């Protein structure tokens, strides 16, 4: 399964499943990372971590470790 961490700059996908447990999962959901939401990778920090994504009209910076817990489905045109 593809995750946000697998995206390359400029690529996008639609969230299919939000992983994590307890407070971490709730934090993802509070940030707008919910199934059915489109996300796009905008930037990667010089050392590769963290990454910046666009979700619901705003920019969000998350760690790659966290990005691996959010699964995407292939976006259809």
N, C-alpha and C. Protein backbone atom coordinates (compact mmCIF):
# COMPACT_ATOMS: atom_id res chain seq x y z
N UNK A 1 0.84 -1.18 0.00
CA UNK A 1 0.00 0.00 0.00
C UNK A 1 0.89 1.24 0.00
N UNK A 2 0.51 2.23 -0.77
CA UNK A 2 1.26 3.48 -0.87
C UNK A 2 0.91 4.38 0.32
N UNK A 3 1.92 5.09 0.84
CA UNK A 3 1.70 6.01 1.94
C UNK A 3 2.12 7.42 1.52
N UNK A 4 1.83 8.41 2.35
CA UNK A 4 2.25 9.78 2.06
C UNK A 4 3.76 9.83 1.89
N UNK A 5 4.49 9.04 2.64
CA UNK A 5 5.95 9.01 2.56
C UNK A 5 6.46 8.59 1.18
N UNK A 6 5.65 7.87 0.41
CA UNK A 6 6.05 7.39 -0.92
C UNK A 6 5.89 8.45 -2.01
N UNK A 7 5.19 9.53 -1.72
CA UNK A 7 4.96 10.56 -2.73
C UNK A 7 6.25 11.30 -3.07
N UNK A 8 6.33 11.74 -4.31
CA UNK A 8 7.41 12.60 -4.76
C UNK A 8 6.86 14.03 -4.85
N UNK A 9 7.74 15.01 -4.83
CA UNK A 9 7.29 16.40 -4.88
C UNK A 9 6.37 16.61 -6.08
N UNK A 10 5.21 17.20 -5.84
CA UNK A 10 4.24 17.46 -6.88
C UNK A 10 3.19 16.38 -7.04
N UNK A 11 3.44 15.20 -6.48
CA UNK A 11 2.46 14.11 -6.57
C UNK A 11 1.39 14.26 -5.49
N UNK A 12 0.25 13.65 -5.75
CA UNK A 12 -0.84 13.70 -4.78
C UNK A 12 -1.52 12.35 -4.69
N UNK A 13 -2.35 12.21 -3.71
CA UNK A 13 -3.12 10.99 -3.51
C UNK A 13 -4.28 11.28 -2.57
N UNK A 14 -5.14 10.29 -2.39
CA UNK A 14 -6.30 10.42 -1.52
C UNK A 14 -6.13 9.45 -0.36
N UNK A 15 -6.30 9.94 0.85
CA UNK A 15 -6.12 9.12 2.04
C UNK A 15 -7.16 8.01 2.06
N UNK A 16 -6.69 6.78 2.27
CA UNK A 16 -7.61 5.65 2.37
C UNK A 16 -7.70 5.13 3.80
N UNK A 17 -6.60 5.26 4.56
CA UNK A 17 -6.60 4.76 5.94
C UNK A 17 -5.60 5.56 6.76
N UNK A 18 -6.00 5.88 7.99
CA UNK A 18 -5.13 6.60 8.92
C UNK A 18 -4.71 5.63 10.00
N UNK A 19 -3.41 5.37 10.08
CA UNK A 19 -2.88 4.46 11.09
C UNK A 19 -2.57 5.19 12.38
N UNK A 20 -1.70 4.58 13.15
CA UNK A 20 -1.35 5.14 14.45
C UNK A 20 -2.36 4.69 15.49
N UNK A 21 -2.03 4.95 16.74
CA UNK A 21 -2.92 4.54 17.82
C UNK A 21 -3.08 5.66 18.82
N UNK A 22 -4.20 5.65 19.49
CA UNK A 22 -4.45 6.58 20.58
C UNK A 22 -4.32 8.03 20.18
N UNK A 23 -3.52 8.77 20.97
CA UNK A 23 -3.38 10.21 20.79
C UNK A 23 -2.80 10.57 19.43
N UNK A 24 -1.88 9.75 18.90
CA UNK A 24 -1.28 10.04 17.60
C UNK A 24 -2.33 9.99 16.50
N UNK A 25 -3.16 8.97 16.50
CA UNK A 25 -4.21 8.85 15.48
C UNK A 25 -5.19 10.02 15.58
N UNK A 26 -5.58 10.37 16.80
CA UNK A 26 -6.49 11.50 16.98
C UNK A 26 -5.84 12.80 16.50
N UNK A 27 -4.55 12.94 16.71
CA UNK A 27 -3.84 14.14 16.24
C UNK A 27 -3.90 14.23 14.72
N UNK A 28 -3.66 13.10 14.03
CA UNK A 28 -3.77 13.07 12.56
C UNK A 28 -5.16 13.54 12.13
N UNK A 29 -6.18 12.97 12.75
CA UNK A 29 -7.56 13.30 12.38
C UNK A 29 -7.85 14.78 12.65
N UNK A 30 -7.37 15.29 13.77
CA UNK A 30 -7.57 16.71 14.11
C UNK A 30 -6.91 17.63 13.10
N UNK A 31 -5.81 17.18 12.49
CA UNK A 31 -5.10 17.99 11.50
C UNK A 31 -5.77 17.93 10.13
N UNK A 32 -6.86 17.17 10.01
CA UNK A 32 -7.57 17.08 8.74
C UNK A 32 -7.15 15.91 7.88
N UNK A 33 -6.33 15.02 8.42
CA UNK A 33 -5.88 13.85 7.67
C UNK A 33 -6.89 12.72 7.87
N UNK A 34 -7.99 12.82 7.14
CA UNK A 34 -9.05 11.83 7.28
C UNK A 34 -9.28 11.13 5.93
N UNK A 35 -9.78 9.89 5.97
CA UNK A 35 -10.02 9.17 4.72
C UNK A 35 -10.88 9.97 3.75
N UNK A 36 -10.50 9.93 2.47
CA UNK A 36 -11.21 10.65 1.43
C UNK A 36 -10.63 12.02 1.13
N UNK A 37 -9.65 12.45 1.92
CA UNK A 37 -9.03 13.77 1.74
C UNK A 37 -7.84 13.69 0.80
N UNK A 38 -7.77 14.63 -0.13
CA UNK A 38 -6.64 14.69 -1.07
C UNK A 38 -5.45 15.38 -0.39
N UNK A 39 -4.26 14.80 -0.57
CA UNK A 39 -3.03 15.40 -0.06
C UNK A 39 -2.01 15.47 -1.19
N UNK A 40 -1.14 16.47 -1.14
CA UNK A 40 -0.09 16.62 -2.15
C UNK A 40 1.22 16.96 -1.45
N UNK A 41 2.30 16.34 -1.89
CA UNK A 41 3.61 16.63 -1.32
C UNK A 41 4.16 17.89 -1.97
N UNK A 42 4.53 18.87 -1.14
CA UNK A 42 5.03 20.14 -1.65
C UNK A 42 6.54 20.29 -1.50
N UNK A 43 7.07 19.96 -0.34
CA UNK A 43 8.49 20.18 -0.08
C UNK A 43 9.05 19.08 0.80
N UNK A 44 10.36 18.90 0.69
CA UNK A 44 11.09 17.98 1.56
C UNK A 44 12.25 18.77 2.14
N UNK A 45 12.45 18.67 3.44
CA UNK A 45 13.55 19.38 4.10
C UNK A 45 14.89 18.91 3.52
N UNK A 46 15.92 19.76 3.59
CA UNK A 46 17.23 19.41 3.01
C UNK A 46 17.79 18.06 3.47
N UNK A 47 17.55 17.68 4.70
CA UNK A 47 18.05 16.39 5.19
C UNK A 47 17.03 15.26 4.98
N UNK A 48 15.91 15.56 4.30
CA UNK A 48 14.92 14.55 3.98
C UNK A 48 13.78 14.41 4.96
N UNK A 49 13.86 15.07 6.09
CA UNK A 49 12.83 14.96 7.11
C UNK A 49 12.77 16.26 7.88
N UNK A 50 11.65 16.90 8.06
CA UNK A 50 10.28 16.49 7.75
C UNK A 50 9.89 16.82 6.31
N UNK A 51 8.62 16.52 6.00
CA UNK A 51 8.08 16.83 4.68
C UNK A 51 6.91 17.79 4.85
N UNK A 52 6.63 18.54 3.80
CA UNK A 52 5.49 19.48 3.83
C UNK A 52 4.46 19.02 2.83
N UNK A 53 3.22 18.87 3.30
CA UNK A 53 2.13 18.46 2.44
C UNK A 53 1.06 19.54 2.43
N UNK A 54 0.25 19.52 1.38
CA UNK A 54 -0.92 20.40 1.33
C UNK A 54 -2.14 19.53 1.53
N UNK A 55 -2.98 19.95 2.47
CA UNK A 55 -4.19 19.20 2.79
C UNK A 55 -5.29 20.21 3.15
N UNK A 56 -6.45 20.08 2.53
CA UNK A 56 -7.60 20.93 2.82
C UNK A 56 -7.28 22.42 2.75
N UNK A 57 -6.43 22.81 1.80
CA UNK A 57 -6.15 24.23 1.58
C UNK A 57 -5.08 24.83 2.47
N UNK A 58 -4.42 24.03 3.28
CA UNK A 58 -3.33 24.58 4.09
C UNK A 58 -2.11 23.68 4.02
N UNK A 59 -0.97 24.21 4.45
CA UNK A 59 0.27 23.46 4.42
C UNK A 59 0.54 22.87 5.80
N UNK A 60 0.96 21.62 5.81
CA UNK A 60 1.19 20.89 7.05
C UNK A 60 2.56 20.22 6.95
N UNK A 61 3.35 20.34 8.00
CA UNK A 61 4.66 19.70 8.04
C UNK A 61 4.59 18.53 9.01
N UNK A 62 4.97 17.34 8.52
CA UNK A 62 4.96 16.15 9.36
C UNK A 62 6.25 15.36 9.18
N UNK A 63 6.56 14.53 10.16
CA UNK A 63 7.75 13.68 10.07
C UNK A 63 7.47 12.52 9.11
N UNK A 64 8.52 12.05 8.47
CA UNK A 64 8.38 10.91 7.55
C UNK A 64 7.83 9.68 8.28
N UNK A 65 8.27 9.48 9.51
CA UNK A 65 7.79 8.34 10.30
C UNK A 65 6.26 8.38 10.43
N UNK A 66 5.72 9.58 10.67
CA UNK A 66 4.27 9.73 10.76
C UNK A 66 3.62 9.56 9.39
N UNK A 67 4.26 10.08 8.35
CA UNK A 67 3.71 9.98 6.99
C UNK A 67 3.56 8.52 6.55
N UNK A 68 4.39 7.64 7.07
CA UNK A 68 4.32 6.21 6.71
C UNK A 68 3.07 5.53 7.27
N UNK A 69 2.41 6.18 8.20
CA UNK A 69 1.22 5.57 8.82
C UNK A 69 -0.08 5.99 8.15
N UNK A 70 0.02 6.83 7.13
CA UNK A 70 -1.18 7.30 6.44
C UNK A 70 -1.19 6.74 5.02
N UNK A 71 -2.08 5.80 4.78
CA UNK A 71 -2.14 5.10 3.50
C UNK A 71 -2.97 5.87 2.49
N UNK A 72 -2.56 5.74 1.22
CA UNK A 72 -3.24 6.41 0.12
C UNK A 72 -3.77 5.41 -0.87
N UNK A 73 -4.84 5.80 -1.56
CA UNK A 73 -5.30 5.02 -2.71
C UNK A 73 -4.89 5.82 -3.94
N UNK A 74 -4.75 5.14 -5.03
CA UNK A 74 -4.36 5.81 -6.27
C UNK A 74 -5.46 6.78 -6.67
N UNK A 75 -5.05 7.98 -7.04
CA UNK A 75 -6.01 8.99 -7.45
C UNK A 75 -6.44 8.71 -8.89
N UNK A 76 -7.75 8.74 -9.10
CA UNK A 76 -8.27 8.52 -10.45
C UNK A 76 -8.73 9.84 -11.04
N UNK A 77 -8.48 10.00 -12.32
CA UNK A 77 -8.86 11.25 -12.99
C UNK A 77 -10.27 11.15 -13.54
